[in-house]
Amino acid sequence: METLNIDIFDHDTSIDVTHKINTMELDNWINHLKYIKKELNNLIGICNKGLKNNLEDHDIVERFDKKQTENETLLKALLKYANSRMDIAECEDTQCDMIYIAEHESYRRSYLYHLDKYRRLKDAFFNKVHGKFSLSKND
């Protein structure tokens, strides 16, 4: 996982520190959504191959597909948002800074909501498959 090296200095204003922390947080969100994308691909593959006939609830693949689309949409939005943050240095007043901070809070809520829904879906999946398969005797 790649992280940004954003140093916080003693002479930074509280707004500068907030922007730097928000940038690091955004980078973590993007990396996490990229990981979720890979994880969803794996879960969909598992459902389509090994578990398809063992699951009573066949809509789980459709739910994973839908979550994959939602994940991709949010990832693209965050990447676009990350590019728009390049103009933060141009802010000359508090009002401009507050617009960026408010926008970040909005994206934070969207990310956390998405993450909560994804975790619930994954928990539901694991609850359904628990006991449906066993590990090989060679393990």
N, C-alpha and C. Protein backbone atom coordinates (compact mmCIF):
# COMPACT_ATOMS: atom_id res chain seq x y z
N MET A 1 0.84 -1.17 0.00
CA MET A 1 0.00 0.00 0.00
C MET A 1 0.89 1.24 0.00
N GLU A 2 0.61 2.12 -0.90
CA GLU A 2 1.39 3.33 -1.02
C GLU A 2 0.76 4.44 -0.18
N THR A 3 1.57 5.12 0.62
CA THR A 3 1.06 6.23 1.41
C THR A 3 1.86 7.48 1.06
N LEU A 4 1.21 8.59 1.22
CA LEU A 4 1.86 9.86 0.94
C LEU A 4 2.74 10.25 2.11
N ASN A 5 3.84 10.91 1.82
CA ASN A 5 4.71 11.41 2.86
C ASN A 5 4.43 12.90 2.99
N ILE A 6 3.49 13.23 3.84
CA ILE A 6 3.13 14.63 4.06
C ILE A 6 3.57 14.99 5.46
N ASP A 7 4.58 15.81 5.52
CA ASP A 7 5.10 16.22 6.82
C ASP A 7 4.29 17.37 7.38
N ILE A 8 4.09 17.33 8.68
CA ILE A 8 3.42 18.41 9.39
C ILE A 8 4.50 19.13 10.19
N PHE A 9 4.56 20.43 9.99
CA PHE A 9 5.60 21.23 10.61
C PHE A 9 5.02 22.11 11.71
N ASP A 10 5.89 22.53 12.63
CA ASP A 10 5.47 23.39 13.74
C ASP A 10 4.87 24.70 13.25
N HIS A 11 5.35 25.20 12.12
CA HIS A 11 4.86 26.48 11.62
C HIS A 11 3.57 26.37 10.81
N ASP A 12 3.09 25.15 10.57
CA ASP A 12 1.83 24.98 9.84
C ASP A 12 0.66 25.52 10.66
N THR A 13 -0.25 26.14 9.96
CA THR A 13 -1.47 26.61 10.64
C THR A 13 -2.38 25.41 10.88
N SER A 14 -3.39 25.61 11.71
CA SER A 14 -4.32 24.51 11.98
C SER A 14 -5.05 24.10 10.70
N ILE A 15 -5.31 25.05 9.81
CA ILE A 15 -5.96 24.74 8.53
C ILE A 15 -5.01 23.90 7.66
N ASP A 16 -3.73 24.27 7.63
CA ASP A 16 -2.74 23.50 6.86
C ASP A 16 -2.66 22.06 7.38
N VAL A 17 -2.65 21.91 8.69
CA VAL A 17 -2.59 20.58 9.30
C VAL A 17 -3.84 19.78 8.93
N THR A 18 -4.99 20.42 8.99
CA THR A 18 -6.25 19.76 8.62
C THR A 18 -6.20 19.28 7.18
N HIS A 19 -5.74 20.14 6.27
CA HIS A 19 -5.64 19.74 4.86
C HIS A 19 -4.68 18.57 4.68
N LYS A 20 -3.56 18.59 5.37
CA LYS A 20 -2.59 17.50 5.24
C LYS A 20 -3.16 16.19 5.78
N ILE A 21 -3.81 16.25 6.92
CA ILE A 21 -4.42 15.05 7.49
C ILE A 21 -5.52 14.53 6.57
N ASN A 22 -6.33 15.43 6.03
CA ASN A 22 -7.38 15.02 5.11
C ASN A 22 -6.81 14.37 3.85
N THR A 23 -5.68 14.87 3.38
CA THR A 23 -5.03 14.29 2.20
C THR A 23 -4.55 12.87 2.51
N MET A 24 -3.96 12.68 3.67
CA MET A 24 -3.51 11.34 4.07
C MET A 24 -4.70 10.40 4.23
N GLU A 25 -5.76 10.91 4.82
CA GLU A 25 -6.96 10.11 5.01
C GLU A 25 -7.56 9.70 3.65
N LEU A 26 -7.63 10.64 2.74
CA LEU A 26 -8.16 10.37 1.41
C LEU A 26 -7.32 9.30 0.71
N ASP A 27 -6.03 9.37 0.83
CA ASP A 27 -5.15 8.37 0.22
C ASP A 27 -5.45 6.98 0.81
N ASN A 28 -5.68 6.92 2.11
CA ASN A 28 -6.03 5.65 2.74
C ASN A 28 -7.37 5.12 2.24
N TRP A 29 -8.36 6.00 2.08
CA TRP A 29 -9.67 5.58 1.56
C TRP A 29 -9.51 4.97 0.17
N ILE A 30 -8.75 5.65 -0.67
CA ILE A 30 -8.56 5.18 -2.05
C ILE A 30 -7.89 3.82 -2.05
N ASN A 31 -6.85 3.65 -1.26
CA ASN A 31 -6.16 2.36 -1.17
C ASN A 31 -7.10 1.27 -0.65
N HIS A 32 -7.93 1.62 0.31
CA HIS A 32 -8.87 0.65 0.87
C HIS A 32 -9.92 0.24 -0.16
N LEU A 33 -10.43 1.19 -0.92
CA LEU A 33 -11.41 0.86 -1.95
C LEU A 33 -10.79 0.00 -3.06
N LYS A 34 -9.52 0.23 -3.36
CA LYS A 34 -8.83 -0.63 -4.33
C LYS A 34 -8.72 -2.05 -3.80
N TYR A 35 -8.47 -2.19 -2.50
CA TYR A 35 -8.41 -3.52 -1.90
C TYR A 35 -9.78 -4.18 -1.91
N ILE A 36 -10.83 -3.42 -1.58
CA ILE A 36 -12.19 -3.95 -1.60
C ILE A 36 -12.55 -4.44 -3.01
N LYS A 37 -12.09 -3.71 -4.02
CA LYS A 37 -12.34 -4.11 -5.41
C LYS A 37 -11.77 -5.51 -5.66
N LYS A 38 -10.53 -5.76 -5.22
CA LYS A 38 -9.91 -7.08 -5.37
C LYS A 38 -10.66 -8.13 -4.55
N GLU A 39 -11.03 -7.76 -3.35
CA GLU A 39 -11.73 -8.69 -2.47
C GLU A 39 -13.08 -9.08 -3.07
N LEU A 40 -13.81 -8.11 -3.61
CA LEU A 40 -15.09 -8.40 -4.24
C LEU A 40 -14.92 -9.34 -5.44
N ASN A 41 -13.88 -9.11 -6.23
CA ASN A 41 -13.61 -10.02 -7.35
C ASN A 41 -13.40 -11.45 -6.84
N ASN A 42 -12.67 -11.60 -5.75
CA ASN A 42 -12.43 -12.92 -5.17
C ASN A 42 -13.72 -13.54 -4.64
N LEU A 43 -14.52 -12.74 -3.94
CA LEU A 43 -15.78 -13.26 -3.38
C LEU A 43 -16.75 -13.68 -4.48
N ILE A 44 -16.82 -12.88 -5.53
CA ILE A 44 -17.69 -13.22 -6.67
C ILE A 44 -17.18 -14.50 -7.33
N GLY A 45 -15.87 -14.62 -7.47
CA GLY A 45 -15.30 -15.84 -8.04
C GLY A 45 -15.60 -17.07 -7.20
N ILE A 46 -15.51 -16.94 -5.89
CA ILE A 46 -15.82 -18.05 -4.99
C ILE A 46 -17.28 -18.45 -5.14
N CYS A 47 -18.15 -17.46 -5.18
CA CYS A 47 -19.58 -17.74 -5.32
C CYS A 47 -19.90 -18.41 -6.64
N ASN A 48 -19.28 -17.96 -7.70
CA ASN A 48 -19.58 -18.50 -9.03
C ASN A 48 -19.00 -19.89 -9.26
N LYS A 49 -17.95 -20.23 -8.54
CA LYS A 49 -17.31 -21.52 -8.76
C LYS A 49 -17.70 -22.54 -7.70
N GLY A 50 -17.19 -22.35 -6.52
CA GLY A 50 -17.33 -23.39 -5.51
C GLY A 50 -18.62 -23.41 -4.73
N LEU A 51 -19.25 -22.27 -4.54
CA LEU A 51 -20.39 -22.23 -3.64
C LEU A 51 -21.73 -22.06 -4.31
N LYS A 52 -21.74 -21.86 -5.60
CA LYS A 52 -22.98 -21.50 -6.30
C LYS A 52 -24.12 -22.46 -5.98
N ASN A 53 -23.85 -23.75 -5.99
CA ASN A 53 -24.91 -24.74 -5.74
C ASN A 53 -25.19 -24.94 -4.25
N ASN A 54 -24.30 -24.50 -3.40
CA ASN A 54 -24.48 -24.69 -1.96
C ASN A 54 -25.21 -23.54 -1.27
N LEU A 55 -25.36 -22.42 -1.95
CA LEU A 55 -26.02 -21.28 -1.34
C LEU A 55 -27.51 -21.32 -1.65
N GLU A 56 -28.33 -21.28 -0.59
CA GLU A 56 -29.77 -21.22 -0.82
C GLU A 56 -30.15 -19.86 -1.40
N ASP A 57 -29.46 -18.85 -0.96
CA ASP A 57 -29.77 -17.48 -1.38
C ASP A 57 -28.89 -17.13 -2.58
N HIS A 58 -29.43 -17.26 -3.79
CA HIS A 58 -28.65 -17.07 -4.99
C HIS A 58 -28.46 -15.60 -5.36
N ASP A 59 -29.07 -14.70 -4.61
CA ASP A 59 -28.91 -13.28 -4.95
C ASP A 59 -27.63 -12.69 -4.39
N ILE A 60 -26.84 -13.49 -3.68
CA ILE A 60 -25.62 -12.95 -3.07
C ILE A 60 -24.64 -12.46 -4.13
N VAL A 61 -24.55 -13.17 -5.26
CA VAL A 61 -23.66 -12.74 -6.34
C VAL A 61 -24.13 -11.41 -6.90
N GLU A 62 -25.45 -11.27 -7.07
CA GLU A 62 -25.99 -10.00 -7.57
C GLU A 62 -25.71 -8.87 -6.59
N ARG A 63 -25.82 -9.18 -5.30
CA ARG A 63 -25.53 -8.16 -4.28
C ARG A 63 -24.04 -7.77 -4.30
N PHE A 64 -23.16 -8.76 -4.48
CA PHE A 64 -21.73 -8.46 -4.61
C PHE A 64 -21.47 -7.65 -5.88
N ASP A 65 -22.12 -8.01 -6.99
CA ASP A 65 -21.97 -7.25 -8.24
C ASP A 65 -22.40 -5.80 -8.05
N LYS A 66 -23.52 -5.61 -7.39
CA LYS A 66 -24.01 -4.25 -7.13
C LYS A 66 -23.02 -3.48 -6.25
N LYS A 67 -22.51 -4.15 -5.23
CA LYS A 67 -21.54 -3.49 -4.34
C LYS A 67 -20.26 -3.17 -5.09
N GLN A 68 -19.89 -4.02 -6.03
CA GLN A 68 -18.70 -3.77 -6.84
C GLN A 68 -18.89 -2.51 -7.69
N THR A 69 -20.07 -2.34 -8.26
CA THR A 69 -20.38 -1.14 -9.03
C THR A 69 -20.35 0.10 -8.13
N GLU A 70 -20.95 -0.01 -6.96
CA GLU A 70 -20.94 1.10 -6.01
C GLU A 70 -19.52 1.44 -5.58
N ASN A 71 -18.72 0.42 -5.35
CA ASN A 71 -17.33 0.62 -4.94
C ASN A 71 -16.55 1.36 -6.04
N GLU A 72 -16.76 0.93 -7.28
CA GLU A 72 -16.07 1.56 -8.42
C GLU A 72 -16.51 3.02 -8.57
N THR A 73 -17.79 3.28 -8.38
CA THR A 73 -18.31 4.65 -8.49
C THR A 73 -17.69 5.54 -7.42
N LEU A 74 -17.64 5.06 -6.19
CA LEU A 74 -17.05 5.84 -5.11
C LEU A 74 -15.55 6.02 -5.33
N LEU A 75 -14.88 4.98 -5.78
CA LEU A 75 -13.43 5.07 -6.05
C LEU A 75 -13.15 6.14 -7.10
N LYS A 76 -13.91 6.13 -8.19
CA LYS A 76 -13.73 7.15 -9.23
C LYS A 76 -13.99 8.55 -8.69
N ALA A 77 -15.02 8.68 -7.87
CA ALA A 77 -15.35 9.99 -7.29
C ALA A 77 -14.22 10.47 -6.38
N LEU A 78 -13.64 9.56 -5.58
CA LEU A 78 -12.55 9.95 -4.69
C LEU A 78 -11.28 10.29 -5.46
N LEU A 79 -11.02 9.58 -6.55
CA LEU A 79 -9.85 9.90 -7.38
C LEU A 79 -10.02 11.28 -8.02
N LYS A 80 -11.21 11.57 -8.49
CA LYS A 80 -11.50 12.89 -9.06
C LYS A 80 -11.37 13.97 -7.99
N TYR A 81 -11.91 13.67 -6.82
CA TYR A 81 -11.81 14.60 -5.69
C TYR A 81 -10.34 14.84 -5.32
N ALA A 82 -9.54 13.78 -5.30
CA ALA A 82 -8.11 13.91 -4.97
C ALA A 82 -7.43 14.86 -5.95
N ASN A 83 -7.77 14.75 -7.23
CA ASN A 83 -7.19 15.65 -8.23
C ASN A 83 -7.63 17.10 -8.01
N SER A 84 -8.86 17.28 -7.58
CA SER A 84 -9.37 18.65 -7.36
C SER A 84 -8.70 19.31 -6.16
N ARG A 85 -8.18 18.50 -5.25
CA ARG A 85 -7.54 19.05 -4.04
C ARG A 85 -6.18 19.69 -4.33
N MET A 86 -5.69 19.54 -5.54
CA MET A 86 -4.41 20.14 -5.90
C MET A 86 -4.48 21.67 -5.82
N ASP A 87 -5.69 22.21 -5.90
CA ASP A 87 -5.86 23.66 -5.88
C ASP A 87 -5.97 24.24 -4.47
N ILE A 88 -5.86 23.40 -3.44
CA ILE A 88 -5.98 23.90 -2.07
C ILE A 88 -4.96 24.98 -1.77
N ALA A 89 -3.76 24.83 -2.29
CA ALA A 89 -2.70 25.82 -2.03
C ALA A 89 -3.08 27.21 -2.53
N GLU A 90 -4.02 27.26 -3.47
CA GLU A 90 -4.44 28.54 -4.03
C GLU A 90 -5.42 29.29 -3.12
N CYS A 91 -5.95 28.61 -2.10
CA CYS A 91 -6.91 29.26 -1.20
C CYS A 91 -6.24 30.44 -0.50
N GLU A 92 -6.93 31.56 -0.53
CA GLU A 92 -6.39 32.76 0.10
C GLU A 92 -7.22 33.23 1.28
N ASP A 93 -8.33 32.57 1.54
CA ASP A 93 -9.14 32.96 2.69
C ASP A 93 -9.75 31.74 3.35
N THR A 94 -10.27 31.95 4.54
CA THR A 94 -10.84 30.87 5.33
C THR A 94 -12.06 30.26 4.65
N GLN A 95 -12.84 31.07 3.96
CA GLN A 95 -14.04 30.58 3.29
C GLN A 95 -13.67 29.51 2.25
N CYS A 96 -12.63 29.75 1.50
CA CYS A 96 -12.15 28.77 0.50
C CYS A 96 -11.73 27.48 1.21
N ASP A 97 -10.94 27.62 2.28
CA ASP A 97 -10.50 26.44 3.03
C ASP A 97 -11.69 25.65 3.57
N MET A 98 -12.69 26.36 4.07
CA MET A 98 -13.84 25.69 4.66
C MET A 98 -14.65 24.93 3.61
N ILE A 99 -14.66 25.39 2.39
CA ILE A 99 -15.34 24.67 1.30
C ILE A 99 -14.67 23.31 1.11
N TYR A 100 -13.34 23.29 1.08
CA TYR A 100 -12.61 22.02 0.94
C TYR A 100 -12.85 21.11 2.14
N ILE A 101 -12.86 21.68 3.32
CA ILE A 101 -13.06 20.88 4.54
C ILE A 101 -14.47 20.30 4.56
N ALA A 102 -15.47 21.10 4.20
CA ALA A 102 -16.86 20.62 4.16
C ALA A 102 -17.01 19.51 3.11
N GLU A 103 -16.37 19.70 1.96
CA GLU A 103 -16.44 18.68 0.91
C GLU A 103 -15.81 17.37 1.40
N HIS A 104 -14.70 17.49 2.12
CA HIS A 104 -14.03 16.29 2.65
C HIS A 104 -14.95 15.56 3.63
N GLU A 105 -15.63 16.31 4.47
CA GLU A 105 -16.54 15.69 5.44
C GLU A 105 -17.66 14.94 4.72
N SER A 106 -18.13 15.49 3.62
CA SER A 106 -19.17 14.84 2.84
C SER A 106 -18.65 13.52 2.26
N TYR A 107 -17.44 13.54 1.73
CA TYR A 107 -16.84 12.31 1.21
C TYR A 107 -16.57 11.31 2.33
N ARG A 108 -16.20 11.80 3.51
CA ARG A 108 -15.97 10.91 4.65
C ARG A 108 -17.26 10.16 4.98
N ARG A 109 -18.37 10.86 5.03
CA ARG A 109 -19.65 10.22 5.32
C ARG A 109 -19.99 9.18 4.25
N SER A 110 -19.77 9.51 2.99
CA SER A 110 -20.04 8.56 1.90
C SER A 110 -19.17 7.32 2.01
N TYR A 111 -17.90 7.53 2.30
CA TYR A 111 -16.96 6.41 2.44
C TYR A 111 -17.37 5.51 3.60
N LEU A 112 -17.65 6.10 4.76
CA LEU A 112 -18.01 5.32 5.93
C LEU A 112 -19.33 4.57 5.74
N TYR A 113 -20.27 5.19 5.07
CA TYR A 113 -21.55 4.54 4.76
C TYR A 113 -21.31 3.33 3.85
N HIS A 114 -20.52 3.54 2.81
CA HIS A 114 -20.18 2.46 1.87
C HIS A 114 -19.49 1.31 2.60
N LEU A 115 -18.54 1.65 3.44
CA LEU A 115 -17.80 0.64 4.19
C LEU A 115 -18.71 -0.15 5.11
N ASP A 116 -19.62 0.51 5.79
CA ASP A 116 -20.56 -0.15 6.68
C ASP A 116 -21.45 -1.12 5.90
N LYS A 117 -21.98 -0.68 4.76
CA LYS A 117 -22.83 -1.54 3.94
C LYS A 117 -22.05 -2.73 3.40
N TYR A 118 -20.81 -2.51 3.00
CA TYR A 118 -19.98 -3.59 2.48
C TYR A 118 -19.71 -4.62 3.58
N ARG A 119 -19.37 -4.15 4.77
CA ARG A 119 -19.10 -5.07 5.88
C ARG A 119 -20.33 -5.89 6.24
N ARG A 120 -21.49 -5.26 6.20
CA ARG A 120 -22.72 -5.99 6.49
C ARG A 120 -22.98 -7.06 5.44
N LEU A 121 -22.75 -6.74 4.17
CA LEU A 121 -22.93 -7.71 3.10
C LEU A 121 -21.96 -8.87 3.27
N LYS A 122 -20.73 -8.56 3.56
CA LYS A 122 -19.73 -9.60 3.75
C LYS A 122 -20.08 -10.48 4.96
N ASP A 123 -20.51 -9.87 6.05
CA ASP A 123 -20.93 -10.64 7.22
C ASP A 123 -22.10 -11.56 6.88
N ALA A 124 -23.07 -11.05 6.12
CA ALA A 124 -24.22 -11.86 5.72
C ALA A 124 -23.75 -13.05 4.88
N PHE A 125 -22.82 -12.81 3.98
CA PHE A 125 -22.28 -13.88 3.15
C PHE A 125 -21.61 -14.94 4.02
N PHE A 126 -20.74 -14.52 4.93
CA PHE A 126 -20.03 -15.49 5.75
C PHE A 126 -20.97 -16.23 6.69
N ASN A 127 -22.02 -15.57 7.15
CA ASN A 127 -23.02 -16.26 7.97
C ASN A 127 -23.73 -17.34 7.17
N LYS A 128 -23.97 -17.07 5.88
CA LYS A 128 -24.64 -18.06 5.02
C LYS A 128 -23.75 -19.23 4.68
N VAL A 129 -22.47 -18.98 4.45
CA VAL A 129 -21.58 -20.06 4.04
C VAL A 129 -20.97 -20.80 5.22
N HIS A 130 -21.11 -20.25 6.40
CA HIS A 130 -20.56 -20.91 7.58
C HIS A 130 -21.16 -22.31 7.69
N GLY A 131 -20.31 -23.30 7.65
CA GLY A 131 -20.78 -24.67 7.74
C GLY A 131 -21.16 -25.28 6.41
N LYS A 132 -21.18 -24.49 5.33
CA LYS A 132 -21.56 -25.02 4.02
C LYS A 132 -20.40 -25.75 3.35
N PHE A 133 -19.21 -25.48 3.79
CA PHE A 133 -18.05 -26.15 3.21
C PHE A 133 -17.05 -26.43 4.33
N SER A 134 -16.17 -27.34 4.09
CA SER A 134 -15.15 -27.67 5.09
C SER A 134 -13.78 -27.65 4.42
N LEU A 135 -12.78 -27.50 5.22
CA LEU A 135 -11.41 -27.49 4.70
C LEU A 135 -11.02 -28.91 4.32
N SER A 136 -10.12 -28.99 3.40
CA SER A 136 -9.64 -30.31 2.98
C SER A 136 -8.95 -31.00 4.14
N LYS A 137 -8.97 -32.32 4.17
CA LYS A 137 -8.36 -33.09 5.25
C LYS A 137 -6.85 -32.98 5.24
N ASN A 138 -6.29 -32.52 4.13
CA ASN A 138 -4.83 -32.39 4.02
C ASN A 138 -4.31 -31.13 4.68
N ASP A 139 -5.21 -30.20 5.03
CA ASP A 139 -4.76 -28.93 5.63
C ASP A 139 -4.37 -29.09 7.07
